[in-house]
Amino acid sequence: MLNLFHKSHPVAVSSANKTFGFTLIELLSSVSILGILAGIAIPNFSTFIIKMRVDNEISQLYRLLFVTRNLAINTQQNVTLCHLDNSSKCDSNWHEELSVFIDGNANKILETQLNERLLQTKAKIKLTDKLHYGIGRNGVIYAPTGRLAGWGSNGTFRYCPENHPENNRGIRVATSGRLYVSSDTDNDDKDEDRSGNELTCR
C-alpha cells in the first residue's frame, strides 16, 4: 500500500555556499603590519647585499693574487698584476679591469714584442665603490721565487663600498709574497688591518 504520509527531510545547507572575507579594519591592520616588517627587513637586506658584494670582490682579488704568485713560480718568470692603460702600461686605476701578465723585465708594461703575454683578467668593480692599493702603487710584481719583485710592490688593498665604511675590507700583500685578509679583530663589526687600524679609503 502506498504510504502517502512520510516524514520530510531537512534540506542540508552546503558549507560551500558560505562566504568569508576581511573587514576593512582587518585589512588595514594587515597592511600596517606588512609595512612595519618591510621597514625593518629592507634596510637589513640592503646591508646584506653590500656585504656580499664586498666579500665577493675580496675573494676574487685574493684568488687573482694567489694565481699571479703561482704563475710566477711555475713559469719561472716575473708576473705582474695591475690595470693596463691604452698603451699597455700599468696605472693606479685599480677599480678598472685588472690584468695578470708575464713581465720578464719587471717594468710593468705588457710588451708582446718581447714574448710577454696576458694570462688572466678580472672585471672592474662597481662604479661607485673604491679600490686602493698602498700609496701610489700601480702594480704587484711577483718574482719566480714567489716573493715580490722590485721596489714598491708591497702594500694593502682596500675595498670600500660607497657610503658604507663599516663594510670596508682589505688584503695585505707582504714582501714575502704572502697574503693576509683583513678581519674584525676587536669585534666592533668593522675590519682592521694587521696593525689593528680600521680600514679607510682616502
Protein backbone atom coordinates (compact mmCIF):
# COMPACT_ATOMS: atom_id res chain seq x y z
CA MET A 1 0.00 0.00 0.00
CA LEU A 2 1.35 3.36 -0.93
CA ASN A 3 2.24 5.44 2.10
CA LEU A 4 1.09 8.94 1.43
CA PHE A 5 2.33 10.13 4.76
CA HIS A 6 6.08 10.34 5.01
CA LYS A 7 8.48 12.37 7.02
CA SER A 8 10.09 15.30 5.32
CA HIS A 9 13.84 15.56 5.49
CA PRO A 10 15.54 18.88 6.21
CA VAL A 11 17.48 20.33 3.31
CA ALA A 12 21.22 20.33 4.04
CA VAL A 13 22.95 23.66 3.52
CA SER A 14 26.35 23.25 1.90
CA SER A 15 29.21 24.99 3.64
CA ALA A 16 30.46 25.87 0.17
CA ASN A 17 27.72 28.45 -0.06
CA LYS A 18 29.09 30.36 2.91
CA THR A 19 31.24 33.40 2.12
CA PHE A 20 34.28 34.54 4.00
CA GLY A 21 36.17 37.86 3.83
CA PHE A 22 38.08 40.54 5.71
CA THR A 23 36.68 43.60 7.31
CA LEU A 24 38.20 46.95 6.45
CA ILE A 25 39.81 47.13 9.90
CA GLU A 26 41.43 43.71 9.45
CA LEU A 27 42.74 44.68 6.02
CA LEU A 28 44.21 47.96 7.28
CA SER A 29 45.83 46.17 10.22
CA SER A 30 47.44 43.62 7.90
CA VAL A 31 48.78 46.35 5.59
CA SER A 32 50.20 48.25 8.59
CA ILE A 33 51.97 45.14 9.89
CA LEU A 34 53.42 44.40 6.45
CA GLY A 35 54.65 47.99 6.21
CA ILE A 36 56.42 47.75 9.57
CA LEU A 37 58.04 44.43 8.66
CA ALA A 38 59.18 45.80 5.29
CA GLY A 39 60.66 48.86 7.01
CA ILE A 40 62.74 46.60 9.21
CA ALA A 41 63.69 44.00 6.60
CA ILE A 42 64.59 46.16 3.57
CA PRO A 43 67.50 48.10 5.19
CA ASN A 44 68.92 44.86 6.61
CA PHE A 45 68.60 43.18 3.23
CA SER A 46 70.38 46.12 1.56
CA THR A 47 73.26 45.87 4.05
CA PHE A 48 73.43 42.13 3.44
CA ILE A 49 73.68 42.68 -0.34
CA ILE A 50 76.51 45.22 0.09
CA LYS A 51 78.42 42.92 2.43
CA MET A 52 78.05 40.05 -0.04
CA ARG A 53 79.38 42.25 -2.85
CA VAL A 54 82.42 43.30 -0.84
CA ASP A 55 83.16 39.73 0.28
CA ASN A 56 82.85 38.52 -3.32
CA GLU A 57 85.25 41.18 -4.63
CA ILE A 58 87.79 40.48 -1.90
CA SER A 59 87.55 36.75 -2.63
CA GLN A 60 88.10 37.31 -6.36
CA LEU A 61 91.05 39.64 -5.74
CA TYR A 62 92.61 37.18 -3.29
CA ARG A 63 92.36 34.37 -5.86
CA LEU A 64 93.83 36.61 -8.56
CA LEU A 65 96.82 37.49 -6.38
CA PHE A 66 97.26 33.83 -5.47
CA VAL A 67 97.19 32.85 -9.15
CA THR A 68 99.68 35.63 -10.01
CA ARG A 69 102.15 34.29 -7.45
CA ASN A 70 101.73 30.68 -8.57
CA LEU A 71 102.21 31.62 -12.23
CA ALA A 72 105.47 33.39 -11.38
CA ILE A 73 106.72 30.30 -9.57
CA ASN A 74 105.53 27.83 -12.22
CA THR A 75 106.75 29.80 -15.25
CA GLN A 76 109.93 30.98 -13.51
CA GLN A 77 109.32 34.50 -14.79
CA ASN A 78 108.20 37.79 -13.32
CA VAL A 79 104.40 38.09 -13.39
CA THR A 80 102.61 41.39 -12.83
CA LEU A 81 99.08 42.26 -11.68
CA CYS A 82 97.74 45.72 -12.47
CA HIS A 83 95.34 47.76 -14.58
CA LEU A 84 96.75 48.33 -18.07
CA ASP A 85 96.08 51.66 -19.78
CA ASN A 86 95.63 52.11 -23.53
CA SER A 87 99.39 51.88 -24.08
CA SER A 88 99.65 48.60 -22.09
CA LYS A 89 101.32 50.30 -19.12
CA CYS A 90 100.32 49.79 -15.51
CA ASP A 91 98.48 52.65 -13.79
CA SER A 92 96.75 53.07 -10.42
CA ASN A 93 93.16 52.73 -11.64
CA TRP A 94 92.55 49.62 -9.56
CA HIS A 95 88.76 49.93 -9.90
CA GLU A 96 89.07 49.12 -13.62
CA GLU A 97 89.69 45.70 -15.22
CA LEU A 98 92.80 44.07 -13.75
CA SER A 99 95.28 42.06 -15.82
CA VAL A 100 97.86 39.41 -14.99
CA PHE A 101 100.71 39.11 -17.48
CA ILE A 102 104.24 37.84 -17.98
CA ASP A 103 106.55 40.78 -17.24
CA GLY A 104 110.07 39.50 -17.91
CA ASN A 105 111.89 42.77 -17.24
CA ALA A 106 109.54 43.79 -14.38
CA ASN A 107 108.86 47.22 -15.89
CA LYS A 108 105.05 47.00 -15.50
CA ILE A 109 104.49 47.17 -19.26
CA LEU A 110 102.95 44.40 -21.33
CA GLU A 111 105.40 44.09 -24.24
CA THR A 112 104.19 41.43 -26.65
CA GLN A 113 107.22 42.02 -28.88
CA LEU A 114 109.30 40.57 -26.03
CA ASN A 115 107.05 37.49 -25.87
CA GLU A 116 105.25 38.80 -22.81
CA ARG A 117 101.64 37.69 -22.75
CA LEU A 118 98.37 38.28 -20.96
CA LEU A 119 97.45 35.39 -18.65
CA GLN A 120 94.26 36.36 -16.85
CA THR A 121 91.89 39.26 -16.20
CA LYS A 122 89.35 40.34 -13.58
CA ALA A 123 86.32 42.52 -14.35
CA LYS A 124 86.15 46.08 -13.00
CA ILE A 125 84.37 46.70 -9.71
CA LYS A 126 81.07 48.52 -9.17
CA LEU A 127 81.48 52.09 -10.44
CA THR A 128 80.68 53.87 -7.16
CA ASP A 129 82.92 51.65 -4.99
CA LYS A 130 86.64 52.28 -4.44
CA LEU A 131 89.69 50.03 -4.57
CA HIS A 132 93.07 51.41 -3.49
CA TYR A 133 96.47 49.78 -3.18
CA GLY A 134 99.10 51.33 -0.95
CA ILE A 135 100.06 54.93 -1.66
CA GLY A 136 100.63 55.50 -5.35
CA ARG A 137 101.15 51.79 -6.05
CA ASN A 138 100.44 50.88 -9.67
CA GLY A 139 101.29 47.20 -9.80
CA VAL A 140 102.12 44.00 -7.93
CA ILE A 141 105.09 42.09 -9.38
CA TYR A 142 105.85 38.54 -8.28
CA ALA A 143 109.32 37.11 -8.88
CA PRO A 144 109.99 33.42 -9.74
CA THR A 145 110.77 32.88 -6.04
CA GLY A 146 107.20 33.79 -5.07
CA ARG A 147 108.38 36.98 -3.38
CA LEU A 148 107.55 40.47 -4.57
CA ALA A 149 109.96 41.89 -7.13
CA GLY A 150 111.11 45.47 -7.36
CA TRP A 151 110.62 48.40 -5.01
CA GLY A 152 107.13 49.47 -4.00
CA SER A 153 105.13 46.34 -4.75
CA ASN A 154 104.05 45.58 -1.19
CA GLY A 155 101.03 47.27 0.35
CA THR A 156 97.39 46.85 1.35
CA PHE A 157 94.42 46.62 -0.98
CA ARG A 158 91.44 48.48 0.46
CA TYR A 159 87.97 47.84 -0.92
CA CYS A 160 85.43 50.46 0.16
CA PRO A 161 81.74 50.33 -0.86
CA GLU A 162 80.12 53.73 -1.36
CA ASN A 163 78.59 55.22 1.83
CA HIS A 164 79.22 52.05 3.84
CA PRO A 165 82.65 52.41 5.52
CA GLU A 166 81.66 49.82 8.11
CA ASN A 167 81.96 47.19 5.34
CA ASN A 168 85.46 48.15 4.19
CA ARG A 169 87.74 45.14 3.71
CA GLY A 170 91.34 44.67 2.66
CA ILE A 171 94.19 42.35 1.67
CA ARG A 172 97.77 42.91 2.82
CA VAL A 173 100.43 41.85 0.29
CA ALA A 174 103.70 41.28 2.16
CA THR A 175 107.19 41.49 0.66
CA SER A 176 107.42 37.73 1.15
CA GLY A 177 104.50 37.41 -1.28
CA ARG A 178 102.10 36.11 1.34
CA LEU A 179 98.55 37.46 1.56
CA TYR A 180 96.63 38.49 4.66
CA VAL A 181 92.89 39.25 4.50
CA SER A 182 91.59 41.82 6.99
CA SER A 183 89.32 40.73 9.83
CA ASP A 184 87.30 42.16 12.71
CA THR A 185 89.88 41.70 15.46
CA ASP A 186 88.13 43.82 18.11
CA ASN A 187 84.56 42.59 17.46
CA ASP A 188 83.16 46.01 16.53
CA ASP A 189 81.71 44.80 13.21
CA LYS A 190 84.48 46.63 11.28
CA ASP A 191 87.59 45.08 9.72
CA GLU A 192 91.04 46.10 10.92
CA ASP A 193 94.44 45.75 9.24
CA ARG A 194 97.33 43.74 10.72
CA SER A 195 98.28 46.75 12.86
CA GLY A 196 94.79 46.93 14.40
CA ASN A 197 93.74 50.05 12.49
CA GLU A 198 90.32 50.31 10.88
CA LEU A 199 90.44 50.23 7.09
CA THR A 200 89.73 53.57 5.43
CA CYS A 201 89.77 54.77 1.81
CA ARG A 202 91.36 58.12 1.06
